[in-house]
PDB file of N, CA and C in Angstrom:
ATOM      1  N   UNK A   1     -67.590  75.269 126.151  1.00  0.00           N
ATOM      2  CA  UNK A   1     -68.026  74.163 126.748  1.00  0.00           C
ATOM      3  C   UNK A   1     -69.654  74.287 126.961  1.00  0.00           C
ATOM      4  N   UNK A   2     -70.305  73.245 126.870  1.00  0.00           N
ATOM      5  CA  UNK A   2     -71.840  73.308 126.845  1.00  0.00           C
ATOM      6  C   UNK A   2     -72.146  72.173 127.843  1.00  0.00           C
ATOM      7  N   UNK A   3     -73.558  72.458 128.476  1.00  0.00           N
ATOM      8  CA  UNK A   3     -74.038  71.336 129.371  1.00  0.00           C
ATOM      9  C   UNK A   3     -74.561  70.291 128.504  1.00  0.00           C
ATOM     10  N   UNK A   4     -74.322  69.056 128.922  1.00  0.00           N
ATOM     11  CA  UNK A   4     -74.676  67.780 128.010  1.00  0.00           C
ATOM     12  C   UNK A   4     -75.985  67.272 128.511  1.00  0.00           C
ATOM     13  N   UNK A   5     -76.038  66.810 129.854  1.00  0.00           N
ATOM     14  CA  UNK A   5     -77.294  66.177 130.244  1.00  0.00           C
ATOM     15  C   UNK A   5     -77.166  66.098 131.823  1.00  0.00           C
ATOM     16  N   UNK A   6     -78.204  65.803 132.408  1.00  0.00           N
ATOM     17  CA  UNK A   6     -78.414  65.397 133.819  1.00  0.00           C
ATOM     18  C   UNK A   6     -78.747  63.980 133.804  1.00  0.00           C
ATOM     19  N   UNK A   7     -78.248  63.201 134.873  1.00  0.00           N
ATOM     20  CA  UNK A   7     -78.510  61.761 134.964  1.00  0.00           C
ATOM     21  C   UNK A   7     -79.583  61.577 136.360  1.00  0.00           C
ATOM     22  N   UNK A   8     -80.526  60.799 136.214  1.00  0.00           N
ATOM     23  CA  UNK A   8     -81.337  60.567 137.301  1.00  0.00           C
ATOM     24  C   UNK A   8     -81.476  58.938 137.435  1.00  0.00           C
ATOM     25  N   UNK A   9     -81.136  58.369 138.529  1.00  0.00           N
ATOM     26  CA  UNK A   9     -81.331  56.856 138.759  1.00  0.00           C
ATOM     27  C   UNK A   9     -82.735  56.740 139.135  1.00  0.00           C
ATOM     28  N   UNK A  10     -83.412  55.776 138.358  1.00  0.00           N
ATOM     29  CA  UNK A  10     -84.842  55.440 138.637  1.00  0.00           C
ATOM     30  C   UNK A  10     -85.102  54.202 139.171  1.00  0.00           C
ATOM     31  N   UNK A  11     -86.204  53.990 140.016  1.00  0.00           N
ATOM     32  CA  UNK A  11     -86.575  52.679 140.643  1.00  0.00           C
ATOM     33  C   UNK A  11     -87.281  51.904 139.676  1.00  0.00           C
ATOM     34  N   UNK A  12     -88.360  52.542 138.810  1.00  0.00           N
ATOM     35  CA  UNK A  12     -89.192  51.785 137.958  1.00  0.00           C
ATOM     36  C   UNK A  12     -89.054  52.532 136.767  1.00  0.00           C
ATOM     37  N   UNK A  13     -88.381  51.907 135.753  1.00  0.00           N
ATOM     38  CA  UNK A  13     -88.159  52.538 134.327  1.00  0.00           C
ATOM     39  C   UNK A  13     -89.413  52.926 133.602  1.00  0.00           C
ATOM     40  N   UNK A  14     -90.434  51.942 133.767  1.00  0.00           N
ATOM     41  CA  UNK A  14     -91.650  52.144 132.983  1.00  0.00           C
ATOM     42  C   UNK A  14     -92.408  53.470 133.445  1.00  0.00           C
ATOM     43  N   UNK A  15     -92.468  53.483 134.904  1.00  0.00           N
ATOM     44  CA  UNK A  15     -93.140  54.767 135.436  1.00  0.00           C
ATOM     45  C   UNK A  15     -92.484  55.999 135.059  1.00  0.00           C
ATOM     46  N   UNK A  16     -91.078  55.955 135.224  1.00  0.00           N
ATOM     47  CA  UNK A  16     -90.411  57.077 134.878  1.00  0.00           C
ATOM     48  C   UNK A  16     -90.344  57.522 133.296  1.00  0.00           C
ATOM     49  N   UNK A  17     -90.249  56.440 132.540  1.00  0.00           N
ATOM     50  CA  UNK A  17     -90.373  56.817 131.262  1.00  0.00           C
ATOM     51  C   UNK A  17     -91.715  57.290 130.923  1.00  0.00           C
ATOM     52  N   UNK A  18     -92.883  56.910 131.365  1.00  0.00           N
ATOM     53  CA  UNK A  18     -94.135  57.406 131.085  1.00  0.00           C
ATOM     54  C   UNK A  18     -94.150  59.040 131.647  1.00  0.00           C
ATOM     55  N   UNK A  19     -93.783  59.242 132.773  1.00  0.00           N
ATOM     56  CA  UNK A  19     -93.789  60.464 133.311  1.00  0.00           C
ATOM     57  C   UNK A  19     -92.904  61.388 132.352  1.00  0.00           C
ATOM     58  N   UNK A  20     -91.731  61.243 131.973  1.00  0.00           N
ATOM     59  CA  UNK A  20     -90.920  62.052 131.180  1.00  0.00           C
ATOM     60  C   UNK A  20     -91.256  62.146 129.656  1.00  0.00           C
ATOM     61  N   UNK A  21     -91.698  60.954 129.198  1.00  0.00           N
ATOM     62  CA  UNK A  21     -92.118  61.084 127.682  1.00  0.00           C
ATOM     63  C   UNK A  21     -93.565  61.454 127.522  1.00  0.00           C
ATOM     64  N   UNK A  22     -94.351  60.925 128.126  1.00  0.00           N
ATOM     65  CA  UNK A  22     -96.023  61.260 127.973  1.00  0.00           C
ATOM     66  C   UNK A  22     -96.352  62.431 128.736  1.00  0.00           C
ATOM     67  N   UNK A  23     -95.801  62.825 129.787  1.00  0.00           N
ATOM     68  CA  UNK A  23     -96.268  63.937 130.763  1.00  0.00           C
ATOM     69  C   UNK A  23     -95.525  65.187 130.250  1.00  0.00           C
ATOM     70  N   UNK A  24     -94.205  65.012 130.189  1.00  0.00           N
ATOM     71  CA  UNK A  24     -93.311  66.127 129.884  1.00  0.00           C
ATOM     72  C   UNK A  24     -92.834  66.285 128.412  1.00  0.00           C
ATOM     73  N   UNK A  25     -93.392  65.458 127.568  1.00  0.00           N
ATOM     74  CA  UNK A  25     -93.101  65.383 126.243  1.00  0.00           C
ATOM     75  C   UNK A  25     -91.771  65.322 125.640  1.00  0.00           C
ATOM     76  N   UNK A  26     -90.795  64.514 126.547  1.00  0.00           N
ATOM     77  CA  UNK A  26     -89.481  64.357 126.070  1.00  0.00           C
ATOM     78  C   UNK A  26     -89.510  63.175 125.159  1.00  0.00           C
ATOM     79  N   UNK A  27     -88.463  63.228 124.324  1.00  0.00           N
ATOM     80  CA  UNK A  27     -88.383  62.215 123.304  1.00  0.00           C
ATOM     81  C   UNK A  27     -87.194  61.239 123.550  1.00  0.00           C
ATOM     82  N   UNK A  28     -87.567  59.903 123.389  1.00  0.00           N
ATOM     83  CA  UNK A  28     -86.563  58.896 123.643  1.00  0.00           C
ATOM     84  C   UNK A  28     -85.502  58.875 122.636  1.00  0.00           C
ATOM     85  N   UNK A  29     -84.263  59.261 122.727  1.00  0.00           N
ATOM     86  CA  UNK A  29     -83.281  59.281 121.860  1.00  0.00           C
ATOM     87  C   UNK A  29     -82.207  58.390 121.722  1.00  0.00           C
ATOM     88  N   UNK A  30     -82.151  57.559 122.863  1.00  0.00           N
ATOM     89  CA  UNK A  30     -81.182  56.446 122.719  1.00  0.00           C
ATOM     90  C   UNK A  30     -81.119  55.555 123.956  1.00  0.00           C
ATOM     91  N   UNK A  31     -80.522  54.448 123.909  1.00  0.00           N
ATOM     92  CA  UNK A  31     -80.396  53.445 124.989  1.00  0.00           C
ATOM     93  C   UNK A  31     -78.997  52.855 124.915  1.00  0.00           C
ATOM     94  N   UNK A  32     -78.467  52.648 126.202  1.00  0.00           N
ATOM     95  CA  UNK A  32     -77.134  51.859 126.251  1.00  0.00           C
ATOM     96  C   UNK A  32     -77.256  50.965 127.248  1.00  0.00           C
ATOM     97  N   UNK A  33     -77.060  49.780 127.016  1.00  0.00           N
ATOM     98  CA  UNK A  33     -77.085  48.633 127.956  1.00  0.00           C
ATOM     99  C   UNK A  33     -75.544  48.279 128.479  1.00  0.00           C
ATOM    100  N   UNK A  34     -75.485  48.514 129.714  1.00  0.00           N
ATOM    101  CA  UNK A  34     -74.143  48.134 130.273  1.00  0.00           C
ATOM    102  C   UNK A  34     -74.201  46.800 131.255  1.00  0.00           C
ATOM    103  N   UNK A  35     -73.166  46.397 131.782  1.00  0.00           N
ATOM    104  CA  UNK A  35     -73.292  45.075 132.552  1.00  0.00           C
ATOM    105  C   UNK A  35     -74.230  45.284 133.723  1.00  0.00           C
ATOM    106  N   UNK A  36     -74.171  46.425 134.356  1.00  0.00           N
ATOM    107  CA  UNK A  36     -74.957  46.659 135.674  1.00  0.00           C
ATOM    108  C   UNK A  36     -76.144  47.555 135.452  1.00  0.00           C
ATOM    109  N   UNK A  37     -76.321  48.139 134.374  1.00  0.00           N
ATOM    110  CA  UNK A  37     -77.537  48.972 134.241  1.00  0.00           C
ATOM    111  C   UNK A  37     -77.939  49.320 132.641  1.00  0.00           C
ATOM    112  N   UNK A  38     -78.946  50.075 132.467  1.00  0.00           N
ATOM    113  CA  UNK A  38     -79.332  50.498 131.205  1.00  0.00           C
ATOM    114  C   UNK A  38     -79.524  51.993 131.447  1.00  0.00           C
ATOM    115  N   UNK A  39     -78.945  52.719 130.342  1.00  0.00           N
ATOM    116  CA  UNK A  39     -78.943  54.249 130.391  1.00  0.00           C
ATOM    117  C   UNK A  39     -80.038  54.445 129.257  1.00  0.00           C
ATOM    118  N   UNK A  40     -81.136  55.350 129.512  1.00  0.00           N
ATOM    119  CA  UNK A  40     -82.123  55.734 128.548  1.00  0.00           C
ATOM    120  C   UNK A  40     -82.020  57.165 128.375  1.00  0.00           C
ATOM    121  N   UNK A  41     -81.731  57.724 127.182  1.00  0.00           N
ATOM    122  CA  UNK A  41     -81.659  59.153 126.818  1.00  0.00           C
ATOM    123  C   UNK A  41     -82.810  59.790 126.386  1.00  0.00           C
ATOM    124  N   UNK A  42     -83.110  60.889 126.926  1.00  0.00           N
ATOM    125  CA  UNK A  42     -84.364  61.541 126.550  1.00  0.00           C
ATOM    126  C   UNK A  42     -83.960  62.994 126.203  1.00  0.00           C
ATOM    127  N   UNK A  43     -84.615  63.650 125.237  1.00  0.00           N
ATOM    128  CA  UNK A  43     -84.374  64.973 124.891  1.00  0.00           C
ATOM    129  C   UNK A  43     -85.554  65.856 124.500  1.00  0.00           C
ATOM    130  N   UNK A  44     -85.682  67.223 124.766  1.00  0.00           N
ATOM    131  CA  UNK A  44     -86.787  67.906 124.318  1.00  0.00           C
ATOM    132  C   UNK A  44     -86.727  68.047 122.809  1.00  0.00           C
ATOM    133  N   UNK A  45     -87.823  68.799 122.406  1.00  0.00           N
ATOM    134  CA  UNK A  45     -88.113  68.903 120.903  1.00  0.00           C
ATOM    135  C   UNK A  45     -86.953  69.427 120.130  1.00  0.00           C
ATOM    136  N   UNK A  46     -86.155  70.433 120.757  1.00  0.00           N
ATOM    137  CA  UNK A  46     -85.065  70.940 119.925  1.00  0.00           C
ATOM    138  C   UNK A  46     -83.655  70.434 120.232  1.00  0.00           C
ATOM    139  N   UNK A  47     -83.731  69.436 121.073  1.00  0.00           N
ATOM    140  CA  UNK A  47     -82.507  68.711 121.455  1.00  0.00           C
ATOM    141  C   UNK A  47     -81.528  69.462 122.370  1.00  0.00           C
ATOM    142  N   UNK A  48     -82.066  70.532 123.048  1.00  0.00           N
ATOM    143  CA  UNK A  48     -81.245  71.406 123.914  1.00  0.00           C
ATOM    144  C   UNK A  48     -81.222  70.752 125.355  1.00  0.00           C
ATOM    145  N   UNK A  49     -82.360  70.112 125.764  1.00  0.00           N
ATOM    146  CA  UNK A  49     -82.469  69.531 127.181  1.00  0.00           C
ATOM    147  C   UNK A  49     -82.429  68.118 127.127  1.00  0.00           C
ATOM    148  N   UNK A  50     -81.327  67.602 127.767  1.00  0.00           N
ATOM    149  CA  UNK A  50     -81.296  66.202 127.647  1.00  0.00           C
ATOM    150  C   UNK A  50     -81.147  65.497 129.125  1.00  0.00           C
ATOM    151  N   UNK A  51     -81.954  64.350 129.354  1.00  0.00           N
ATOM    152  CA  UNK A  51     -81.969  63.638 130.655  1.00  0.00           C
ATOM    153  C   UNK A  51     -81.568  62.217 130.242  1.00  0.00           C
ATOM    154  N   UNK A  52     -80.664  61.597 131.082  1.00  0.00           N
ATOM    155  CA  UNK A  52     -80.317  60.311 131.167  1.00  0.00           C
ATOM    156  C   UNK A  52     -80.968  59.765 132.391  1.00  0.00           C
ATOM    157  N   UNK A  53     -81.868  58.729 132.052  1.00  0.00           N
ATOM    158  CA  UNK A  53     -82.628  57.858 133.041  1.00  0.00           C
ATOM    159  C   UNK A  53     -81.676  56.538 133.208  1.00  0.00           C
ATOM    160  N   UNK A  54     -81.194  56.311 134.435  1.00  0.00           N
ATOM    161  CA  UNK A  54     -80.468  55.219 134.643  1.00  0.00           C
ATOM    162  C   UNK A  54     -81.104  54.199 135.375  1.00  0.00           C
ATOM    163  N   UNK A  55     -81.434  53.043 134.839  1.00  0.00           N
ATOM    164  CA  UNK A  55     -81.973  51.928 135.580  1.00  0.00           C
ATOM    165  C   UNK A  55     -80.918  50.848 135.882  1.00  0.00           C
ATOM    166  N   UNK A  56     -80.635  50.725 137.232  1.00  0.00           N
ATOM    167  CA  UNK A  56     -79.715  49.835 137.584  1.00  0.00           C
ATOM    168  C   UNK A  56     -80.259  48.333 137.831  1.00  0.00           C
ATOM    169  N   UNK A  57     -79.514  47.286 137.395  1.00  0.00           N
ATOM    170  CA  UNK A  57     -79.974  45.957 137.607  1.00  0.00           C
ATOM    171  C   UNK A  57     -80.221  45.557 139.013  1.00  0.00           C
ATOM    172  N   UNK A  58     -79.562  46.150 139.906  1.00  0.00           N
ATOM    173  CA  UNK A  58     -79.812  45.866 141.284  1.00  0.00           C
ATOM    174  C   UNK A  58     -80.235  47.204 141.984  1.00  0.00           C
ATOM    175  N   UNK A  59     -81.687  47.500 141.846  1.00  0.00           N
ATOM    176  CA  UNK A  59     -81.979  48.787 142.378  1.00  0.00           C
ATOM    177  C   UNK A  59     -82.647  48.669 143.866  1.00  0.00           C
ATOM    178  N   UNK A  60     -82.206  49.383 144.758  1.00  0.00           N
ATOM    179  CA  UNK A  60     -82.634  49.380 146.082  1.00  0.00           C
ATOM    180  C   UNK A  60     -84.181  49.153 146.173  1.00  0.00           C
ATOM    181  N   UNK A  61     -84.834  48.456 146.951  1.00  0.00           N
ATOM    182  CA  UNK A  61     -86.212  48.294 146.986  1.00  0.00           C
ATOM    183  C   UNK A  61     -86.888  49.663 147.329  1.00  0.00           C
ATOM    184  N   UNK A  62     -86.298  50.360 148.247  1.00  0.00           N
ATOM    185  CA  UNK A  62     -86.737  51.622 148.562  1.00  0.00           C
ATOM    186  C   UNK A  62     -86.512  52.838 147.547  1.00  0.00           C
ATOM    187  N   UNK A  63     -85.671  52.556 146.449  1.00  0.00           N
ATOM    188  CA  UNK A  63     -85.334  53.514 145.608  1.00  0.00           C
ATOM    189  C   UNK A  63     -84.111  54.221 146.157  1.00  0.00           C
ATOM    190  N   UNK A  64     -83.911  55.503 145.599  1.00  0.00           N
ATOM    191  CA  UNK A  64     -82.765  56.208 145.893  1.00  0.00           C
ATOM    192  C   UNK A  64     -83.112  57.552 146.658  1.00  0.00           C
ATOM    193  N   UNK A  65     -82.217  57.911 147.319  1.00  0.00           N
ATOM    194  CA  UNK A  65     -82.367  59.316 148.146  1.00  0.00           C
ATOM    195  C   UNK A  65     -81.557  60.393 147.755  1.00  0.00           C
ATOM    196  N   UNK A  66     -81.967  61.501 147.371  1.00  0.00           N
ATOM    197  CA  UNK A  66     -81.191  62.759 146.971  1.00  0.00           C
ATOM    198  C   UNK A  66     -80.546  63.393 147.965  1.00  0.00           C
ATOM    199  N   UNK A  67     -79.435  64.032 147.942  1.00  0.00           N
ATOM    200  CA  UNK A  67     -78.827  64.755 149.134  1.00  0.00           C
ATOM    201  C   UNK A  67     -79.593  66.095 149.288  1.00  0.00           C
ATOM    202  N   UNK A  68     -79.406  66.884 150.267  1.00  0.00           N
ATOM    203  CA  UNK A  68     -79.983  68.103 150.498  1.00  0.00           C
ATOM    204  C   UNK A  68     -79.583  69.217 149.667  1.00  0.00           C
ATOM    205  N   UNK A  69     -78.753  69.060 148.693  1.00  0.00           N
ATOM    206  CA  UNK A  69     -78.275  70.155 147.865  1.00  0.00           C
ATOM    207  C   UNK A  69     -78.928  70.186 146.629  1.00  0.00           C
ATOM    208  N   UNK A  70     -79.584  69.097 146.098  1.00  0.00           N
ATOM    209  CA  UNK A  70     -80.384  69.226 144.857  1.00  0.00           C
ATOM    210  C   UNK A  70     -81.588  69.764 145.241  1.00  0.00           C
ATOM    211  N   UNK A  71     -82.199  70.647 144.327  1.00  0.00           N
ATOM    212  CA  UNK A  71     -83.440  71.309 144.451  1.00  0.00           C
ATOM    213  C   UNK A  71     -84.556  70.608 143.475  1.00  0.00           C
ATOM    214  N   UNK A  72     -84.363  70.993 142.357  1.00  0.00           N
ATOM    215  CA  UNK A  72     -85.312  70.598 141.309  1.00  0.00           C
ATOM    216  C   UNK A  72     -84.951  70.741 139.768  1.00  0.00           C
ATOM    217  N   UNK A  73     -85.671  70.003 138.844  1.00  0.00           N
ATOM    218  CA  UNK A  73     -85.629  70.210 137.511  1.00  0.00           C
ATOM    219  C   UNK A  73     -86.658  71.202 136.985  1.00  0.00           C
ATOM    220  N   UNK A  74     -86.391  72.020 136.260  1.00  0.00           N
ATOM    221  CA  UNK A  74     -87.407  72.949 135.653  1.00  0.00           C
ATOM    222  C   UNK A  74     -87.736  72.928 134.113  1.00  0.00           C
ATOM    223  N   UNK A  75     -88.985  72.908 133.942  1.00  0.00           N
ATOM    224  CA  UNK A  75     -89.561  72.762 132.483  1.00  0.00           C
ATOM    225  C   UNK A  75     -90.400  73.896 132.243  1.00  0.00           C
ATOM    226  N   UNK A  76     -90.408  74.459 131.029  1.00  0.00           N
ATOM    227  CA  UNK A  76     -91.357  75.528 130.632  1.00  0.00           C
ATOM    228  C   UNK A  76     -92.501  74.922 129.650  1.00  0.00           C
ATOM    229  N   UNK A  77     -93.781  75.284 129.914  1.00  0.00           N
ATOM    230  CA  UNK A  77     -94.833  74.843 129.081  1.00  0.00           C
ATOM    231  C   UNK A  77     -95.350  76.101 128.363  1.00  0.00           C
ATOM    232  N   UNK A  78     -96.089  75.912 127.348  1.00  0.00           N
ATOM    233  CA  UNK A  78     -96.777  77.051 126.748  1.00  0.00           C
ATOM    234  C   UNK A  78     -98.036  77.493 127.447  1.00  0.00           C
ATOM    235  N   UNK A  79     -98.730  76.339 128.160  1.00  0.00           N
ATOM    236  CA  UNK A  79     -99.980  76.635 128.936  1.00  0.00           C
ATOM    237  C   UNK A  79     -99.987  75.860 130.116  1.00  0.00           C
ATOM    238  N   UNK A  80     -99.998  76.396 131.062  1.00  0.00           N
ATOM    239  CA  UNK A  80    -100.107  76.002 132.483  1.00  0.00           C
ATOM    240  C   UNK A  80    -101.587  75.229 132.500  1.00  0.00           C
ATOM    241  N   UNK A  81    -102.512  75.778 132.019  1.00  0.00           N
ATOM    242  CA  UNK A  81    -103.970  75.209 132.085  1.00  0.00           C
ATOM    243  C   UNK A  81    -104.018  73.834 131.322  1.00  0.00           C
ATOM    244  N   UNK A  82    -103.391  73.866 130.185  1.00  0.00           N
ATOM    245  CA  UNK A  82    -103.227  72.592 129.345  1.00  0.00           C
ATOM    246  C   UNK A  82    -102.344  71.533 129.930  1.00  0.00           C
ATOM    247  N   UNK A  83    -101.356  72.027 130.604  1.00  0.00           N
ATOM    248  CA  UNK A  83    -100.453  70.927 131.420  1.00  0.00           C
ATOM    249  C   UNK A  83    -101.232  70.474 132.540  1.00  0.00           C
ATOM    250  N   UNK A  84    -101.806  71.261 133.237  1.00  0.00           N
ATOM    251  CA  UNK A  84    -102.516  70.807 134.341  1.00  0.00           C
ATOM    252  C   UNK A  84    -103.694  69.858 133.918  1.00  0.00           C
ATOM    253  N   UNK A  85    -104.342  70.064 132.870  1.00  0.00           N
ATOM    254  CA  UNK A  85    -105.447  69.148 132.259  1.00  0.00           C
ATOM    255  C   UNK A  85    -104.773  67.840 132.130  1.00  0.00           C
ATOM    256  N   UNK A  86    -103.602  67.868 131.350  1.00  0.00           N
ATOM    257  CA  UNK A  86    -102.863  66.714 130.929  1.00  0.00           C
ATOM    258  C   UNK A  86    -102.311  65.905 132.411  1.00  0.00           C
ATOM    259  N   UNK A  87    -101.759  66.771 133.141  1.00  0.00           N
ATOM    260  CA  UNK A  87    -101.215  65.976 134.340  1.00  0.00           C
ATOM    261  C   UNK A  87    -102.476  65.322 135.263  1.00  0.00           C
ATOM    262  N   UNK A  88    -103.617  65.918 135.240  1.00  0.00           N
ATOM    263  CA  UNK A  88    -104.753  65.321 135.865  1.00  0.00           C
ATOM    264  C   UNK A  88    -105.047  64.060 135.300  1.00  0.00           C
ATOM    265  N   UNK A  89    -105.220  64.130 133.943  1.00  0.00           N
ATOM    266  CA  UNK A  89    -105.509  62.896 133.133  1.00  0.00           C
ATOM    267  C   UNK A  89    -104.520  61.727 133.456  1.00  0.00           C
ATOM    268  N   UNK A  90    -103.304  61.999 133.562  1.00  0.00           N
ATOM    269  CA  UNK A  90    -102.302  60.999 134.064  1.00  0.00           C
ATOM    270  C   UNK A  90    -102.308  60.513 135.606  1.00  0.00           C
ATOM    271  N   UNK A  91    -103.029  61.341 136.165  1.00  0.00           N
ATOM    272  CA  UNK A  91    -103.140  60.851 137.617  1.00  0.00           C
ATOM    273  C   UNK A  91    -102.228  61.518 138.652  1.00  0.00           C
ATOM    274  N   UNK A  92    -101.509  62.522 138.190  1.00  0.00           N
ATOM    275  CA  UNK A  92    -100.431  63.001 138.992  1.00  0.00           C
ATOM    276  C   UNK A  92    -101.179  64.321 139.703  1.00  0.00           C
ATOM    277  N   UNK A  93    -100.472  64.702 140.755  1.00  0.00           N
ATOM    278  CA  UNK A  93    -100.938  65.824 141.652  1.00  0.00           C
ATOM    279  C   UNK A  93     -99.736  66.660 141.948  1.00  0.00           C
ATOM    280  N   UNK A  94    -100.225  68.061 141.834  1.00  0.00           N
ATOM    281  CA  UNK A  94     -99.177  69.029 142.322  1.00  0.00           C
ATOM    282  C   UNK A  94     -98.723  68.887 143.819  1.00  0.00           C
ATOM    283  N   UNK A  95     -97.499  69.190 143.983  1.00  0.00           N
ATOM    284  CA  UNK A  95     -96.995  69.393 145.153  1.00  0.00           C
ATOM    285  C   UNK A  95     -97.214  70.812 145.623  1.00  0.00           C
ATOM    286  N   UNK A  96     -97.126  71.735 144.897  1.00  0.00           N
ATOM    287  CA  UNK A  96     -97.492  73.117 145.041  1.00  0.00           C
ATOM    288  C   UNK A  96     -98.094  73.733 143.600  1.00  0.00           C
ATOM    289  N   UNK A  97     -99.579  73.931 143.832  1.00  0.00           N
ATOM    290  CA  UNK A  97    -100.486  74.370 142.847  1.00  0.00           C
ATOM    291  C   UNK A  97     -99.868  75.660 141.971  1.00  0.00           C
ATOM    292  N   UNK A  98    -100.236  75.740 140.879  1.00  0.00           N
ATOM    293  CA  UNK A  98     -99.817  76.877 140.164  1.00  0.00           C
ATOM    294  C   UNK A  98    -100.085  78.130 140.759  1.00  0.00           C
ATOM    295  N   UNK A  99     -99.221  79.150 140.627  1.00  0.00           N
ATOM    296  CA  UNK A  99     -99.251  80.544 141.282  1.00  0.00           C
ATOM    297  C   UNK A  99     -98.403  81.387 140.595  1.00  0.00           C
ATOM    298  N   UNK A 100     -98.775  82.717 140.496  1.00  0.00           N
ATOM    299  CA  UNK A 100     -98.163  83.799 139.712  1.00  0.00           C
ATOM    300  C   UNK A 100     -96.898  84.297 140.549  1.00  0.00           C
ATOM    301  N   UNK A 101     -95.697  84.200 140.037  1.00  0.00           N
ATOM    302  CA  UNK A 101     -94.662  84.553 140.683  1.00  0.00           C
ATOM    303  C   UNK A 101     -94.101  86.071 140.046  1.00  0.00           C
ATOM    304  N   UNK A 102     -94.472  87.158 140.646  1.00  0.00           N
ATOM    305  CA  UNK A 102     -94.141  88.481 139.942  1.00  0.00           C
ATOM    306  C   UNK A 102     -92.766  88.802 139.743  1.00  0.00           C
ATOM    307  N   UNK A 103     -91.898  88.184 140.521  1.00  0.00           N
ATOM    308  CA  UNK A 103     -90.464  88.455 140.329  1.00  0.00           C
ATOM    309  C   UNK A 103     -89.837  87.990 139.119  1.00  0.00           C
ATOM    310  N   UNK A 104     -90.498  86.957 138.400  1.00  0.00           N
ATOM    311  CA  UNK A 104     -90.123  86.331 137.280  1.00  0.00           C
ATOM    312  C   UNK A 104     -91.220  86.435 136.228  1.00  0.00           C
ATOM    313  N   UNK A 105     -92.301  87.046 136.472  1.00  0.00           N
ATOM    314  CA  UNK A 105     -93.417  87.297 135.521  1.00  0.00           C
ATOM    315  C   UNK A 105     -93.893  85.938 134.862  1.00  0.00           C
ATOM    316  N   UNK A 106     -93.939  84.952 135.763  1.00  0.00           N
ATOM    317  CA  UNK A 106     -94.364  83.725 135.192  1.00  0.00           C
ATOM    318  C   UNK A 106     -95.243  82.985 136.282  1.00  0.00           C
ATOM    319  N   UNK A 107     -96.174  81.960 135.821  1.00  0.00           N
ATOM    320  CA  UNK A 107     -96.774  81.043 136.658  1.00  0.00           C
ATOM    321  C   UNK A 107     -95.903  79.903 136.804  1.00  0.00           C
ATOM    322  N   UNK A 108     -95.876  79.448 138.167  1.00  0.00           N
ATOM    323  CA  UNK A 108     -95.020  78.326 138.409  1.00  0.00           C
ATOM    324  C   UNK A 108     -95.816  77.330 139.172  1.00  0.00           C
ATOM    325  N   UNK A 109     -95.456  75.972 139.229  1.00  0.00           N
ATOM    326  CA  UNK A 109     -96.068  74.965 139.907  1.00  0.00           C
ATOM    327  C   UNK A 109     -95.021  73.873 140.314  1.00  0.00           C
ATOM    328  N   UNK A 110     -95.258  73.092 141.177  1.00  0.00           N
ATOM    329  CA  UNK A 110     -94.183  71.907 141.388  1.00  0.00           C
ATOM    330  C   UNK A 110     -95.040  70.763 141.717  1.00  0.00           C
ATOM    331  N   UNK A 111     -94.362  69.452 140.862  1.00  0.00           N
ATOM    332  CA  UNK A 111     -94.757  68.226 141.199  1.00  0.00           C
ATOM    333  C   UNK A 111     -93.542  67.318 141.338  1.00  0.00           C
ATOM    334  N   UNK A 112     -93.991  66.004 141.717  1.00  0.00           N
ATOM    335  CA  UNK A 112     -92.743  65.102 141.922  1.00  0.00           C
ATOM    336  C   UNK A 112     -92.848  64.009 140.682  1.00  0.00           C
ATOM    337  N   UNK A 113     -91.674  63.607 140.465  1.00  0.00           N
ATOM    338  CA  UNK A 113     -91.596  62.531 139.431  1.00  0.00           C
ATOM    339  C   UNK A 113     -91.840  61.302 140.266  1.00  0.00           C
ATOM    340  N   UNK A 114     -91.783  59.983 139.592  1.00  0.00           N
ATOM    341  CA  UNK A 114     -92.073  58.841 140.328  1.00  0.00           C
ATOM    342  C   UNK A 114     -90.937  58.500 141.333  1.00  0.00           C
ATOM    343  N   UNK A 115     -89.909  59.048 141.293  1.00  0.00           N
ATOM    344  CA  UNK A 115     -88.855  58.758 142.281  1.00  0.00           C
ATOM    345  C   UNK A 115     -88.799  59.953 143.228  1.00  0.00           C
ATOM    346  N   UNK A 116     -89.761  60.729 143.334  1.00  0.00           N
ATOM    347  CA  UNK A 116     -89.679  61.952 144.229  1.00  0.00           C
ATOM    348  C   UNK A 116     -88.870  63.102 143.910  1.00  0.00           C
ATOM    349  N   UNK A 117     -88.253  63.098 142.866  1.00  0.00           N
ATOM    350  CA  UNK A 117     -87.513  64.348 142.387  1.00  0.00           C
ATOM    351  C   UNK A 117     -88.488  65.543 142.082  1.00  0.00           C
ATOM    352  N   UNK A 118     -88.224  66.784 142.623  1.00  0.00           N
ATOM    353  CA  UNK A 118     -89.205  67.787 142.433  1.00  0.00           C
ATOM    354  C   UNK A 118     -88.921  68.342 140.961  1.00  0.00           C
ATOM    355  N   UNK A 119     -90.115  68.755 140.375  1.00  0.00           N
ATOM    356  CA  UNK A 119     -90.075  69.145 138.988  1.00  0.00           C
ATOM    357  C   UNK A 119     -90.805  70.421 139.093  1.00  0.00           C
ATOM    358  N   UNK A 120     -90.268  71.672 138.558  1.00  0.00           N
ATOM    359  CA  UNK A 120     -90.985  72.883 138.475  1.00  0.00           C
ATOM    360  C   UNK A 120     -91.526  73.149 136.924  1.00  0.00           C
ATOM    361  N   UNK A 121     -92.656  73.432 137.015  1.00  0.00           N
ATOM    362  CA  UNK A 121     -93.399  73.859 135.672  1.00  0.00           C
ATOM    363  C   UNK A 121     -93.484  75.359 135.662  1.00  0.00           C
ATOM    364  N   UNK A 122     -93.126  75.990 134.631  1.00  0.00           N
ATOM    365  CA  UNK A 122     -93.230  77.312 134.404  1.00  0.00           C
ATOM    366  C   UNK A 122     -93.932  77.558 133.161  1.00  0.00           C
ATOM    367  N   UNK A 123     -94.793  78.729 133.244  1.00  0.00           N
ATOM    368  CA  UNK A 123     -95.544  79.370 132.013  1.00  0.00           C
ATOM    369  C   UNK A 123     -95.469  80.726 132.034  1.00  0.00           C
ATOM    370  N   UNK A 124     -95.235  81.385 130.897  1.00  0.00           N
ATOM    371  CA  UNK A 124     -95.223  82.881 130.715  1.00  0.00           C
ATOM    372  C   UNK A 124     -96.776  83.288 130.674  1.00  0.00           C
TER     373      UNK A 124
END
């Protein structure tokens, strides 16, 4: 068995698509229109990480709320400094600025996607 993908409901598909494709460099790989929603599939460069962004036709005005069990999605970048420059260019801000975590021998940082989901960025 293998992990297939994670699904995230989004309030604004344009903002979310920009965040995941332009900032996090995921590629749009498919789209499925259903009666009540549209599913947008994204994948990393080697096809190992997949995310399904679900945009419902009737989205709550305030968006969606996560339960307290969900923590974050994590992405690894080759350069934290380059990612930070790119993030600043797009106007995003860190929730937690990059810092070195000796237990995993990596720099990590956190930001939020347009729907408030926490995203961890890691760099060796």
